[in-house]
Amino acid sequence: LCQMLHDFITDEGADLATRTWVNDKYGSGNKALYTFFEITFSGGWPTHASKVVKDVHPFYAVFFIVYVTLVVFGMIRIISALFLSE
């Protein structure tokens, strides 16, 4: 995702505030990794996903839908199963 958003971050025609926000969240591998850690474990994934989908490109909705469906809900199911098994 970091590499896919690089063109938007360097685009002079895009809004500077949005470009700065995207750079702060997804500008490098470490920033993107921390953002996805927050998406996975904080439950605040709409905050991180909606701005990218609305302001950058709607195509990113597919990426976030797949990620949240498979990883976030899958992680919750695994953790719930661990607690219920004990």
Protein backbone atom coordinates (compact mmCIF):
# COMPACT_ATOMS: atom_id res chain seq x y z
CA LEU A 1 0.00 0.00 0.00
CA CYS A 2 2.93 2.30 0.73
CA GLN A 3 4.21 1.93 -2.83
CA MET A 4 0.73 2.31 -4.33
CA LEU A 5 0.17 5.61 -2.51
CA HIS A 6 3.59 7.04 -3.40
CA ASP A 7 2.29 8.61 -6.65
CA PHE A 8 -0.48 10.37 -4.74
CA ILE A 9 1.92 11.68 -2.10
CA THR A 10 4.20 13.20 -4.75
CA ASP A 11 1.32 14.58 -6.89
CA GLU A 12 1.50 18.38 -6.77
CA GLY A 13 -2.10 18.71 -7.98
CA ALA A 14 -3.61 16.92 -5.00
CA ASP A 15 -4.66 18.66 -1.79
CA LEU A 16 -1.64 19.32 0.45
CA ALA A 17 -3.45 18.46 3.71
CA THR A 18 -4.57 15.09 2.32
CA ARG A 19 -1.11 14.36 0.94
CA THR A 20 0.43 15.17 4.32
CA TRP A 21 -2.05 12.90 6.13
CA VAL A 22 -1.42 10.03 3.71
CA ASN A 23 2.34 10.53 4.08
CA ASP A 24 2.04 10.50 7.89
CA LYS A 25 0.07 7.23 7.83
CA TYR A 26 1.44 5.36 4.78
CA GLY A 27 4.54 7.29 3.66
CA SER A 28 7.12 4.62 4.49
CA GLY A 29 7.14 0.93 5.24
CA ASN A 30 7.41 1.53 8.98
CA LYS A 31 4.57 4.06 9.00
CA ALA A 32 2.33 1.74 6.98
CA LEU A 33 3.19 -1.19 9.25
CA TYR A 34 2.26 0.82 12.35
CA THR A 35 -0.95 2.03 10.69
CA PHE A 36 -1.95 -1.53 9.87
CA PHE A 37 -1.14 -2.55 13.43
CA GLU A 38 -3.60 0.14 14.54
CA ILE A 39 -6.15 -0.98 11.96
CA THR A 40 -5.91 -4.57 13.15
CA PHE A 41 -5.95 -4.13 16.92
CA SER A 42 -7.56 -0.77 17.71
CA GLY A 43 -10.91 -1.20 15.99
CA GLY A 44 -10.53 2.22 14.43
CA TRP A 45 -10.01 1.00 10.89
CA PRO A 46 -12.71 3.27 9.39
CA THR A 47 -10.68 6.31 10.42
CA HIS A 48 -7.65 5.08 8.49
CA ALA A 49 -9.51 3.65 5.51
CA SER A 50 -12.22 6.20 4.78
CA LYS A 51 -9.89 9.12 4.10
CA VAL A 52 -7.87 7.06 1.62
CA VAL A 53 -11.00 5.78 -0.11
CA LYS A 54 -12.74 9.17 -0.25
CA ASP A 55 -9.81 11.46 -1.02
CA VAL A 56 -7.33 9.30 -2.94
CA HIS A 57 -9.27 6.74 -4.98
CA PRO A 58 -12.35 4.54 -4.42
CA PHE A 59 -10.36 1.49 -5.62
CA TYR A 60 -8.69 1.31 -2.21
CA ALA A 61 -12.05 0.26 -0.74
CA VAL A 62 -11.51 -3.18 -2.27
CA PHE A 63 -8.14 -3.46 -0.54
CA PHE A 64 -9.49 -2.41 2.87
CA ILE A 65 -12.60 -4.60 2.58
CA VAL A 66 -10.49 -7.67 1.86
CA TYR A 67 -8.00 -6.80 4.60
CA VAL A 68 -10.61 -6.13 7.27
CA THR A 69 -12.68 -9.17 6.33
CA LEU A 70 -9.81 -11.63 6.29
CA VAL A 71 -7.40 -10.28 8.87
CA VAL A 72 -9.32 -8.22 11.41
CA PHE A 73 -12.43 -10.39 11.66
CA GLY A 74 -10.29 -13.52 11.37
CA MET A 75 -8.09 -12.34 14.24
CA ILE A 76 -11.15 -11.63 16.38
CA ARG A 77 -12.51 -15.12 15.67
CA ILE A 78 -9.19 -16.75 16.64
CA ILE A 79 -8.90 -14.75 19.87
CA SER A 80 -12.54 -15.48 20.74
CA ALA A 81 -12.01 -19.18 20.10
CA LEU A 82 -8.99 -19.19 22.40
CA PHE A 83 -10.98 -17.62 25.22
CA LEU A 84 -13.96 -19.90 24.71
CA SER A 85 -11.85 -23.04 24.67
CA GLU A 86 -10.56 -22.39 28.20
